[in-house]
Amino acid sequence: MGKRVDNIVIINNVAYIIEFGVGDGGYEEEQAIEQVIDYTIDLKNFHEGRPQN
């Protein structure tokens, strides 16, 4: 907890979580995937969704 996602893009009711990782010096796929999963869990647990009709 305590970190924030860089951007969230919503298209056709699908949320795309975007993390830029500026200054990391490299791309670590496993770590990047874990970080995005953590962000999605935080969004699910700490943000109220819009009611579906």
Protein backbone atom coordinates (compact mmCIF):
# COMPACT_ATOMS: atom_id res chain seq x y z
CA MET A 1 0.00 0.00 0.00
CA GLY A 2 1.00 3.60 -0.38
CA LYS A 3 1.95 3.46 -4.04
CA ARG A 4 -0.15 4.88 -6.82
CA VAL A 5 -0.63 3.75 -10.37
CA ASP A 6 0.61 6.17 -13.05
CA ASN A 7 -2.49 5.99 -15.24
CA ILE A 8 -5.75 4.13 -15.59
CA VAL A 9 -7.44 4.01 -18.98
CA ILE A 10 -11.02 2.73 -19.17
CA ILE A 11 -12.25 1.52 -22.56
CA ASN A 12 -15.50 -0.40 -23.00
CA ASN A 13 -15.75 -1.07 -19.24
CA VAL A 14 -12.22 -2.52 -19.09
CA ALA A 15 -9.65 -0.82 -16.87
CA TYR A 16 -6.07 -0.80 -18.17
CA ILE A 17 -3.52 -0.17 -15.42
CA ILE A 18 -0.43 1.67 -16.73
CA GLU A 19 2.86 1.96 -14.86
CA PHE A 20 5.71 3.80 -16.59
CA GLY A 21 8.61 2.91 -14.25
CA VAL A 22 10.69 5.96 -15.18
CA GLY A 23 14.28 5.81 -13.99
CA ASP A 24 14.32 2.08 -13.24
CA GLY A 25 17.21 1.48 -15.65
CA GLY A 26 15.75 -1.77 -16.95
CA TYR A 27 12.68 -3.87 -17.44
CA GLU A 28 11.98 -6.68 -15.03
CA GLU A 29 8.86 -8.46 -16.31
CA GLU A 30 8.05 -10.45 -13.18
CA GLN A 31 8.41 -7.43 -10.89
CA ALA A 32 6.33 -5.26 -13.25
CA ILE A 33 3.53 -7.82 -13.35
CA GLU A 34 3.53 -8.09 -9.53
CA GLN A 35 3.33 -4.31 -9.21
CA VAL A 36 0.35 -4.06 -11.57
CA ILE A 37 -1.41 -6.90 -9.74
CA ASP A 38 -0.85 -5.03 -6.45
CA TYR A 39 -2.39 -1.89 -7.99
CA THR A 40 -5.44 -3.80 -9.21
CA ILE A 41 -5.96 -5.36 -5.77
CA ASP A 42 -5.76 -1.89 -4.18
CA LEU A 43 -8.29 -0.54 -6.68
CA LYS A 44 -10.64 -3.43 -5.99
CA ASN A 45 -10.37 -3.16 -2.20
CA PHE A 46 -10.21 0.62 -1.69
CA HIS A 47 -12.36 2.18 -4.42
CA GLU A 48 -16.09 1.92 -4.81
CA GLY A 49 -17.17 0.83 -8.27
CA ARG A 50 -19.96 2.25 -10.35
CA PRO A 51 -23.23 0.29 -10.01
CA GLN A 52 -24.09 -1.80 -13.07
CA ASN A 53 -27.57 -1.62 -14.55
